[in-house]
PDB file of N, CA and C in Angstrom:
ATOM      1  N   MET A   1       0.810  -1.196   0.000  1.00  0.00           N
ATOM      2  CA  MET A   1       0.000   0.000   0.000  1.00  0.00           C
ATOM      3  C   MET A   1       0.855   1.263   0.000  1.00  0.00           C
ATOM      4  N   SER A   2       1.775   1.375   0.952  1.00  0.00           N
ATOM      5  CA  SER A   2       2.596   2.582   0.983  1.00  0.00           C
ATOM      6  C   SER A   2       3.912   2.327   0.269  1.00  0.00           C
ATOM      7  N   GLU A   3       4.440   3.374  -0.360  1.00  0.00           N
ATOM      8  CA  GLU A   3       5.700   3.268  -1.068  1.00  0.00           C
ATOM      9  C   GLU A   3       6.839   3.617  -0.126  1.00  0.00           C
ATOM     10  N   VAL A   4       8.038   3.349  -0.565  1.00  0.00           N
ATOM     11  CA  VAL A   4       9.211   3.676   0.233  1.00  0.00           C
ATOM     12  C   VAL A   4       9.270   5.195   0.415  1.00  0.00           C
ATOM     13  N   GLY A   5       9.518   5.646   1.637  1.00  0.00           N
ATOM     14  CA  GLY A   5       9.629   7.079   1.906  1.00  0.00           C
ATOM     15  C   GLY A   5       8.314   7.745   2.255  1.00  0.00           C
ATOM     16  N   GLN A   6       7.210   7.024   2.215  1.00  0.00           N
ATOM     17  CA  GLN A   6       5.912   7.603   2.564  1.00  0.00           C
ATOM     18  C   GLN A   6       5.390   6.925   3.818  1.00  0.00           C
ATOM     19  N   MET A   7       4.757   7.735   4.675  1.00  0.00           N
ATOM     20  CA  MET A   7       4.162   7.186   5.878  1.00  0.00           C
ATOM     21  C   MET A   7       2.676   6.971   5.671  1.00  0.00           C
ATOM     22  N   LYS A   8       2.121   6.028   6.404  1.00  0.00           N
ATOM     23  CA  LYS A   8       0.679   5.814   6.374  1.00  0.00           C
ATOM     24  C   LYS A   8       0.003   7.017   7.022  1.00  0.00           C
ATOM     25  N   PRO A   9      -1.215   7.341   6.617  1.00  0.00           N
ATOM     26  CA  PRO A   9      -1.888   8.531   7.158  1.00  0.00           C
ATOM     27  C   PRO A   9      -2.001   8.539   8.679  1.00  0.00           C
ATOM     28  N   ASP A  10      -2.289   7.405   9.322  1.00  0.00           N
ATOM     29  CA  ASP A  10      -2.408   7.396  10.770  1.00  0.00           C
ATOM     30  C   ASP A  10      -1.052   7.671  11.436  1.00  0.00           C
ATOM     31  N   ARG A  11       0.026   7.209  10.819  1.00  0.00           N
ATOM     32  CA  ARG A  11       1.369   7.468  11.343  1.00  0.00           C
ATOM     33  C   ARG A  11       1.721   8.943  11.187  1.00  0.00           C
ATOM     34  N   MET A  12       1.355   9.549  10.052  1.00  0.00           N
ATOM     35  CA  MET A  12       1.623  10.977   9.841  1.00  0.00           C
ATOM     36  C   MET A  12       0.874  11.812  10.866  1.00  0.00           C
ATOM     37  N   PHE A  13      -0.361  11.456  11.167  1.00  0.00           N
ATOM     38  CA  PHE A  13      -1.164  12.193  12.134  1.00  0.00           C
ATOM     39  C   PHE A  13      -0.513  12.125  13.515  1.00  0.00           C
ATOM     40  N   TRP A  14      -0.071  10.933  13.925  1.00  0.00           N
ATOM     41  CA  TRP A  14       0.604  10.779  15.204  1.00  0.00           C
ATOM     42  C   TRP A  14       1.881  11.605  15.239  1.00  0.00           C
ATOM     43  N   PHE A  15       2.637  11.566  14.144  1.00  0.00           N
ATOM     44  CA  PHE A  15       3.893  12.299  14.047  1.00  0.00           C
ATOM     45  C   PHE A  15       3.659  13.793  14.184  1.00  0.00           C
ATOM     46  N   ALA A  16       2.631  14.326  13.518  1.00  0.00           N
ATOM     47  CA  ALA A  16       2.320  15.753  13.586  1.00  0.00           C
ATOM     48  C   ALA A  16       1.915  16.166  14.993  1.00  0.00           C
ATOM     49  N   LEU A  17       1.136  15.344  15.669  1.00  0.00           N
ATOM     50  CA  LEU A  17       0.694  15.670  17.026  1.00  0.00           C
ATOM     51  C   LEU A  17       1.829  15.630  18.034  1.00  0.00           C
ATOM     52  N   ASN A  18       2.800  14.763  17.820  1.00  0.00           N
ATOM     53  CA  ASN A  18       3.880  14.575  18.783  1.00  0.00           C
ATOM     54  C   ASN A  18       5.201  15.221  18.370  1.00  0.00           C
ATOM     55  N   TRP A  19       5.179  16.072  17.375  1.00  0.00           N
ATOM     56  CA  TRP A  19       6.401  16.693  16.858  1.00  0.00           C
ATOM     57  C   TRP A  19       7.170  17.434  17.953  1.00  0.00           C
ATOM     58  N   SER A  20       6.470  18.185  18.785  1.00  0.00           N
ATOM     59  CA  SER A  20       7.156  18.970  19.811  1.00  0.00           C
ATOM     60  C   SER A  20       7.829  18.090  20.857  1.00  0.00           C
ATOM     61  N   ARG A  21       7.365  16.868  21.049  1.00  0.00           N
ATOM     62  CA  ARG A  21       8.002  15.960  22.000  1.00  0.00           C
ATOM     63  C   ARG A  21       9.138  15.171  21.359  1.00  0.00           C
ATOM     64  N   ILE A  22       9.160  15.093  20.029  1.00  0.00           N
ATOM     65  CA  ILE A  22      10.169  14.296  19.326  1.00  0.00           C
ATOM     66  C   ILE A  22      11.461  15.083  19.120  1.00  0.00           C
ATOM     67  N   VAL A  23      11.350  16.339  18.676  1.00  0.00           N
ATOM     68  CA  VAL A  23      12.537  17.129  18.345  1.00  0.00           C
ATOM     69  C   VAL A  23      13.126  17.759  19.601  1.00  0.00           C
ATOM     70  N   LYS A  24      14.425  17.969  19.578  1.00  0.00           N
ATOM     71  CA  LYS A  24      15.095  18.606  20.705  1.00  0.00           C
ATOM     72  C   LYS A  24      14.817  20.108  20.685  1.00  0.00           C
ATOM     73  N   LYS A  25      14.727  20.698  21.827  1.00  0.00           N
ATOM     74  CA  LYS A  25      14.449  22.125  21.962  1.00  0.00           C
ATOM     75  C   LYS A  25      15.717  22.945  21.724  1.00  0.00           C
ATOM     76  N   ASP A  26      15.541  24.125  21.167  1.00  0.00           N
ATOM     77  CA  ASP A  26      16.585  25.152  21.025  1.00  0.00           C
ATOM     78  C   ASP A  26      17.790  24.757  20.183  1.00  0.00           C
ATOM     79  N   ILE A  27      17.659  23.777  19.285  1.00  0.00           N
ATOM     80  CA  ILE A  27      18.779  23.460  18.396  1.00  0.00           C
ATOM     81  C   ILE A  27      18.407  23.640  16.929  1.00  0.00           C
ATOM     82  N   HIS A  28      17.128  23.806  16.627  1.00  0.00           N
ATOM     83  CA  HIS A  28      16.679  23.928  15.250  1.00  0.00           C
ATOM     84  C   HIS A  28      16.504  25.393  14.868  1.00  0.00           C
ATOM     85  N   PRO A  29      16.870  25.779  13.642  1.00  0.00           N
ATOM     86  CA  PRO A  29      16.665  27.166  13.212  1.00  0.00           C
ATOM     87  C   PRO A  29      15.174  27.444  13.024  1.00  0.00           C
ATOM     88  N   ASP A  30      14.823  28.720  13.076  1.00  0.00           N
ATOM     89  CA  ASP A  30      13.427  29.108  12.860  1.00  0.00           C
ATOM     90  C   ASP A  30      13.040  28.826  11.419  1.00  0.00           C
ATOM     91  N   TYR A  31      11.831  28.348  11.225  1.00  0.00           N
ATOM     92  CA  TYR A  31      11.288  28.024   9.904  1.00  0.00           C
ATOM     93  C   TYR A  31      10.288  29.123   9.580  1.00  0.00           C
ATOM     94  N   VAL A  32      10.629  30.007   8.639  1.00  0.00           N
ATOM     95  CA  VAL A  32       9.830  31.189   8.351  1.00  0.00           C
ATOM     96  C   VAL A  32       9.401  31.219   6.891  1.00  0.00           C
ATOM     97  N   LYS A  33       8.439  32.092   6.587  1.00  0.00           N
ATOM     98  CA  LYS A  33       8.059  32.309   5.188  1.00  0.00           C
ATOM     99  C   LYS A  33       9.209  32.988   4.472  1.00  0.00           C
ATOM    100  N   ALA A  34       9.491  32.524   3.256  1.00  0.00           N
ATOM    101  CA  ALA A  34      10.610  33.065   2.491  1.00  0.00           C
ATOM    102  C   ALA A  34      10.160  33.409   1.080  1.00  0.00           C
ATOM    103  N   VAL A  35      10.751  34.461   0.542  1.00  0.00           N
ATOM    104  CA  VAL A  35      10.508  34.854  -0.843  1.00  0.00           C
ATOM    105  C   VAL A  35      11.718  34.424  -1.658  1.00  0.00           C
ATOM    106  N   VAL A  36      11.481  33.578  -2.673  1.00  0.00           N
ATOM    107  CA  VAL A  36      12.543  33.099  -3.553  1.00  0.00           C
ATOM    108  C   VAL A  36      12.540  33.958  -4.802  1.00  0.00           C
ATOM    109  N   THR A  37      13.698  34.506  -5.146  1.00  0.00           N
ATOM    110  CA  THR A  37      13.829  35.358  -6.321  1.00  0.00           C
ATOM    111  C   THR A  37      14.820  34.720  -7.290  1.00  0.00           C
ATOM    112  N   CYS A  38      14.383  34.534  -8.525  1.00  0.00           N
ATOM    113  CA  CYS A  38      15.232  33.944  -9.561  1.00  0.00           C
ATOM    114  C   CYS A  38      15.943  35.055 -10.332  1.00  0.00           C
ATOM    115  N   ALA A  39      17.009  34.693 -11.030  1.00  0.00           N
ATOM    116  CA  ALA A  39      17.740  35.654 -11.857  1.00  0.00           C
ATOM    117  C   ALA A  39      16.880  36.180 -13.005  1.00  0.00           C
ATOM    118  N   CYS A  40      15.866  35.415 -13.420  1.00  0.00           N
ATOM    119  CA  CYS A  40      14.993  35.850 -14.510  1.00  0.00           C
ATOM    120  C   CYS A  40      13.933  36.838 -14.026  1.00  0.00           C
ATOM    121  N   GLY A  41      13.810  37.026 -12.698  1.00  0.00           N
ATOM    122  CA  GLY A  41      12.844  37.969 -12.155  1.00  0.00           C
ATOM    123  C   GLY A  41      11.622  37.329 -11.523  1.00  0.00           C
ATOM    124  N   GLN A  42      11.437  36.048 -11.721  1.00  0.00           N
ATOM    125  CA  GLN A  42      10.302  35.321 -11.147  1.00  0.00           C
ATOM    126  C   GLN A  42      10.466  35.237  -9.632  1.00  0.00           C
ATOM    127  N   THR A  43       9.375  35.429  -8.892  1.00  0.00           N
ATOM    128  CA  THR A  43       9.405  35.271  -7.441  1.00  0.00           C
ATOM    129  C   THR A  43       8.265  34.359  -7.004  1.00  0.00           C
ATOM    130  N   PHE A  44       8.479  33.641  -5.909  1.00  0.00           N
ATOM    131  CA  PHE A  44       7.421  32.846  -5.297  1.00  0.00           C
ATOM    132  C   PHE A  44       7.714  32.716  -3.815  1.00  0.00           C
ATOM    133  N   GLU A  45       6.695  32.331  -3.060  1.00  0.00           N
ATOM    134  CA  GLU A  45       6.821  32.234  -1.613  1.00  0.00           C
ATOM    135  C   GLU A  45       6.844  30.776  -1.180  1.00  0.00           C
ATOM    136  N   THR A  46       7.697  30.485  -0.207  1.00  0.00           N
ATOM    137  CA  THR A  46       7.811  29.136   0.344  1.00  0.00           C
ATOM    138  C   THR A  46       8.230  29.252   1.801  1.00  0.00           C
ATOM    139  N   MET A  47       8.597  28.153   2.411  1.00  0.00           N
ATOM    140  CA  MET A  47       9.091  28.161   3.783  1.00  0.00           C
ATOM    141  C   MET A  47      10.570  27.787   3.767  1.00  0.00           C
ATOM    142  N   ALA A  48      11.370  28.479   4.594  1.00  0.00           N
ATOM    143  CA  ALA A  48      12.799  28.209   4.668  1.00  0.00           C
ATOM    144  C   ALA A  48      13.336  28.747   5.988  1.00  0.00           C
ATOM    145  N   THR A  49      14.627  28.559   6.195  1.00  0.00           N
ATOM    146  CA  THR A  49      15.247  29.079   7.406  1.00  0.00           C
ATOM    147  C   THR A  49      15.735  30.507   7.233  1.00  0.00           C
ATOM    148  N   LYS A  50      15.676  31.032   6.017  1.00  0.00           N
ATOM    149  CA  LYS A  50      16.010  32.431   5.729  1.00  0.00           C
ATOM    150  C   LYS A  50      14.787  33.100   5.136  1.00  0.00           C
ATOM    151  N   GLY A  51      14.666  34.382   5.303  1.00  0.00           N
ATOM    152  CA  GLY A  51      13.516  35.106   4.795  1.00  0.00           C
ATOM    153  C   GLY A  51      13.590  35.408   3.308  1.00  0.00           C
ATOM    154  N   GLU A  52      14.807  35.402   2.762  1.00  0.00           N
ATOM    155  CA  GLU A  52      15.003  35.737   1.357  1.00  0.00           C
ATOM    156  C   GLU A  52      15.986  34.751   0.739  1.00  0.00           C
ATOM    157  N   VAL A  53      15.639  34.176  -0.414  1.00  0.00           N
ATOM    158  CA  VAL A  53      16.498  33.209  -1.097  1.00  0.00           C
ATOM    159  C   VAL A  53      16.638  33.649  -2.552  1.00  0.00           C
ATOM    160  N   HIS A  54      17.873  33.626  -3.077  1.00  0.00           N
ATOM    161  CA  HIS A  54      18.132  33.981  -4.480  1.00  0.00           C
ATOM    162  C   HIS A  54      18.647  32.750  -5.208  1.00  0.00           C
ATOM    163  N   THR A  55      18.146  32.534  -6.424  1.00  0.00           N
ATOM    164  CA  THR A  55      18.560  31.384  -7.215  1.00  0.00           C
ATOM    165  C   THR A  55      18.841  31.812  -8.653  1.00  0.00           C
ATOM    166  N   ASP A  56      19.616  31.003  -9.366  1.00  0.00           N
ATOM    167  CA  ASP A  56      19.970  31.315 -10.753  1.00  0.00           C
ATOM    168  C   ASP A  56      18.935  30.802 -11.740  1.00  0.00           C
ATOM    169  N   ILE A  57      18.343  29.652 -11.461  1.00  0.00           N
ATOM    170  CA  ILE A  57      17.408  29.021 -12.395  1.00  0.00           C
ATOM    171  C   ILE A  57      16.179  28.548 -11.626  1.00  0.00           C
ATOM    172  N   CYS A  58      14.997  28.809 -12.192  1.00  0.00           N
ATOM    173  CA  CYS A  58      13.746  28.336 -11.581  1.00  0.00           C
ATOM    174  C   CYS A  58      12.948  27.555 -12.637  1.00  0.00           C
ATOM    175  N   SER A  59      11.758  27.120 -12.285  1.00  0.00           N
ATOM    176  CA  SER A  59      10.956  26.329 -13.223  1.00  0.00           C
ATOM    177  C   SER A  59      10.459  27.162 -14.400  1.00  0.00           C
ATOM    178  N   VAL A  60      10.455  28.481 -14.276  1.00  0.00           N
ATOM    179  CA  VAL A  60      10.014  29.337 -15.386  1.00  0.00           C
ATOM    180  C   VAL A  60      11.088  29.436 -16.465  1.00  0.00           C
ATOM    181  N   CYS A  61      12.362  29.464 -16.064  1.00  0.00           N
ATOM    182  CA  CYS A  61      13.434  29.648 -17.050  1.00  0.00           C
ATOM    183  C   CYS A  61      14.317  28.407 -17.237  1.00  0.00           C
ATOM    184  N   HIS A  62      14.035  27.305 -16.550  1.00  0.00           N
ATOM    185  CA  HIS A  62      14.850  26.093 -16.680  1.00  0.00           C
ATOM    186  C   HIS A  62      14.632  25.457 -18.056  1.00  0.00           C
ATOM    187  N   PRO A  63      15.703  25.049 -18.735  1.00  0.00           N
ATOM    188  CA  PRO A  63      15.585  24.477 -20.088  1.00  0.00           C
ATOM    189  C   PRO A  63      14.675  23.244 -20.161  1.00  0.00           C
ATOM    190  N   PHE A  64      14.607  22.464 -19.114  1.00  0.00           N
ATOM    191  CA  PHE A  64      13.740  21.288 -19.134  1.00  0.00           C
ATOM    192  C   PHE A  64      12.279  21.686 -19.305  1.00  0.00           C
ATOM    193  N   TYR A  65      11.862  22.757 -18.648  1.00  0.00           N
ATOM    194  CA  TYR A  65      10.464  23.192 -18.708  1.00  0.00           C
ATOM    195  C   TYR A  65      10.177  24.105 -19.901  1.00  0.00           C
ATOM    196  N   THR A  66      11.169  24.885 -20.340  1.00  0.00           N
ATOM    197  CA  THR A  66      10.936  25.829 -21.429  1.00  0.00           C
ATOM    198  C   THR A  66      11.207  25.228 -22.796  1.00  0.00           C
ATOM    199  N   GLY A  67      12.063  24.203 -22.871  1.00  0.00           N
ATOM    200  CA  GLY A  67      12.428  23.617 -24.154  1.00  0.00           C
ATOM    201  C   GLY A  67      13.492  24.423 -24.877  1.00  0.00           C
ATOM    202  N   LYS A  68      14.015  25.471 -24.238  1.00  0.00           N
ATOM    203  CA  LYS A  68      15.061  26.303 -24.823  1.00  0.00           C
ATOM    204  C   LYS A  68      16.371  26.052 -24.090  1.00  0.00           C
ATOM    205  N   GLN A  69      17.462  26.101 -24.838  1.00  0.00           N
ATOM    206  CA  GLN A  69      18.766  25.919 -24.224  1.00  0.00           C
ATOM    207  C   GLN A  69      19.291  27.270 -23.764  1.00  0.00           C
ATOM    208  N   ARG A  70      19.867  27.294 -22.574  1.00  0.00           N
ATOM    209  CA  ARG A  70      20.416  28.533 -22.026  1.00  0.00           C
ATOM    210  C   ARG A  70      21.762  28.197 -21.394  1.00  0.00           C
ATOM    211  N   LEU A  71      22.798  28.908 -21.796  1.00  0.00           N
ATOM    212  CA  LEU A  71      24.113  28.696 -21.216  1.00  0.00           C
ATOM    213  C   LEU A  71      24.236  29.512 -19.939  1.00  0.00           C
ATOM    214  N   VAL A  72      24.623  28.870 -18.876  1.00  0.00           N
ATOM    215  CA  VAL A  72      24.858  29.559 -17.619  1.00  0.00           C
ATOM    216  C   VAL A  72      26.357  29.718 -17.485  1.00  0.00           C
ATOM    217  N   ASP A  73      26.836  30.935 -17.685  1.00  0.00           N
ATOM    218  CA  ASP A  73      28.262  31.219 -17.677  1.00  0.00           C
ATOM    219  C   ASP A  73      28.683  31.640 -16.276  1.00  0.00           C
ATOM    220  N   THR A  74      29.581  30.879 -15.687  1.00  0.00           N
ATOM    221  CA  THR A  74      30.082  31.195 -14.360  1.00  0.00           C
ATOM    222  C   THR A  74      31.495  31.729 -14.497  1.00  0.00           C
ATOM    223  N   ALA A  75      31.646  33.017 -14.305  1.00  0.00           N
ATOM    224  CA  ALA A  75      32.944  33.688 -14.332  1.00  0.00           C
ATOM    225  C   ALA A  75      33.694  33.467 -15.644  1.00  0.00           C
ATOM    226  N   GLY A  76      33.003  33.483 -16.778  1.00  0.00           N
ATOM    227  CA  GLY A  76      33.634  33.387 -18.082  1.00  0.00           C
ATOM    228  C   GLY A  76      34.161  32.018 -18.451  1.00  0.00           C
ATOM    229  N   ARG A  77      33.725  30.978 -17.787  1.00  0.00           N
ATOM    230  CA  ARG A  77      34.243  29.637 -18.054  1.00  0.00           C
ATOM    231  C   ARG A  77      33.867  29.136 -19.446  1.00  0.00           C
ATOM    232  N   VAL A  78      32.666  29.451 -19.898  1.00  0.00           N
ATOM    233  CA  VAL A  78      32.248  29.009 -21.231  1.00  0.00           C
ATOM    234  C   VAL A  78      33.116  29.675 -22.291  1.00  0.00           C
ATOM    235  N   GLU A  79      33.333  30.981 -22.152  1.00  0.00           N
ATOM    236  CA  GLU A  79      34.150  31.709 -23.121  1.00  0.00           C
ATOM    237  C   GLU A  79      35.595  31.209 -23.104  1.00  0.00           C
ATOM    238  N   ARG A  80      36.123  30.948 -21.925  1.00  0.00           N
ATOM    239  CA  ARG A  80      37.491  30.438 -21.810  1.00  0.00           C
ATOM    240  C   ARG A  80      37.607  29.055 -22.463  1.00  0.00           C
ATOM    241  N   PHE A  81      36.599  28.226 -22.294  1.00  0.00           N
ATOM    242  CA  PHE A  81      36.584  26.899 -22.924  1.00  0.00           C
ATOM    243  C   PHE A  81      36.562  27.034 -24.445  1.00  0.00           C
ATOM    244  N   ARG A  82      35.721  27.937 -24.947  1.00  0.00           N
ATOM    245  CA  ARG A  82      35.622  28.124 -26.405  1.00  0.00           C
ATOM    246  C   ARG A  82      36.938  28.623 -26.987  1.00  0.00           C
ATOM    247  N   ARG A  83      37.607  29.564 -26.306  1.00  0.00           N
ATOM    248  CA  ARG A  83      38.892  30.054 -26.797  1.00  0.00           C
ATOM    249  C   ARG A  83      39.944  28.951 -26.797  1.00  0.00           C
ATOM    250  N   LYS A  84      39.925  28.125 -25.769  1.00  0.00           N
ATOM    251  CA  LYS A  84      40.930  27.071 -25.642  1.00  0.00           C
ATOM    252  C   LYS A  84      40.795  26.014 -26.726  1.00  0.00           C
ATOM    253  N   TYR A  85      39.571  25.623 -27.037  1.00  0.00           N
ATOM    254  CA  TYR A  85      39.344  24.521 -27.972  1.00  0.00           C
ATOM    255  C   TYR A  85      38.894  24.960 -29.362  1.00  0.00           C
ATOM    256  N   ASP A  86      38.864  26.247 -29.632  1.00  0.00           N
ATOM    257  CA  ASP A  86      38.453  26.749 -30.945  1.00  0.00           C
ATOM    258  C   ASP A  86      39.661  27.044 -31.828  1.00  0.00           C
ATOM    259  N   GLN A  87      40.726  26.325 -31.625  1.00  0.00           N
ATOM    260  CA  GLN A  87      41.937  26.511 -32.437  1.00  0.00           C
ATOM    261  C   GLN A  87      41.864  25.635 -33.675  1.00  0.00           C
ATOM    262  N   ASN A  88      42.280  26.187 -34.786  1.00  0.00           N
ATOM    263  CA  ASN A  88      42.316  25.417 -36.040  1.00  0.00           C
ATOM    264  C   ASN A  88      43.551  24.546 -36.055  1.00  0.00           C
ATOM    265  N   PRO A  89      43.368  23.246 -36.320  1.00  0.00           N
ATOM    266  CA  PRO A  89      44.540  22.367 -36.387  1.00  0.00           C
ATOM    267  C   PRO A  89      45.404  22.744 -37.595  1.00  0.00           C
ATOM    268  N   GLY A  90      46.665  22.793 -37.392  1.00  0.00           N
ATOM    269  CA  GLY A  90      47.402  23.196 -38.555  1.00  0.00           C
ATOM    270  C   GLY A  90      48.822  23.064 -38.475  1.00  0.00           C
TER     271      GLY A  90
END
């Protein structure tokens, strides 16, 4: 009935009710609402340990979802690679 990594509903209910008795006090960071901002300008709200999160790629601009290829250049590495291997044999 249940797959690996999933709890049965009655077990989840027990876990939710007893969470405060299970976890240790004063060692976990605060879990707050966070605004995630992508490099493309898309924003969405989620929960995290920081109030603000910045990312380079999200589901709006990721090539898997858009079907478009996008090169992510980190400190000129793509350009350096092209210069290195774009030599004519001769």
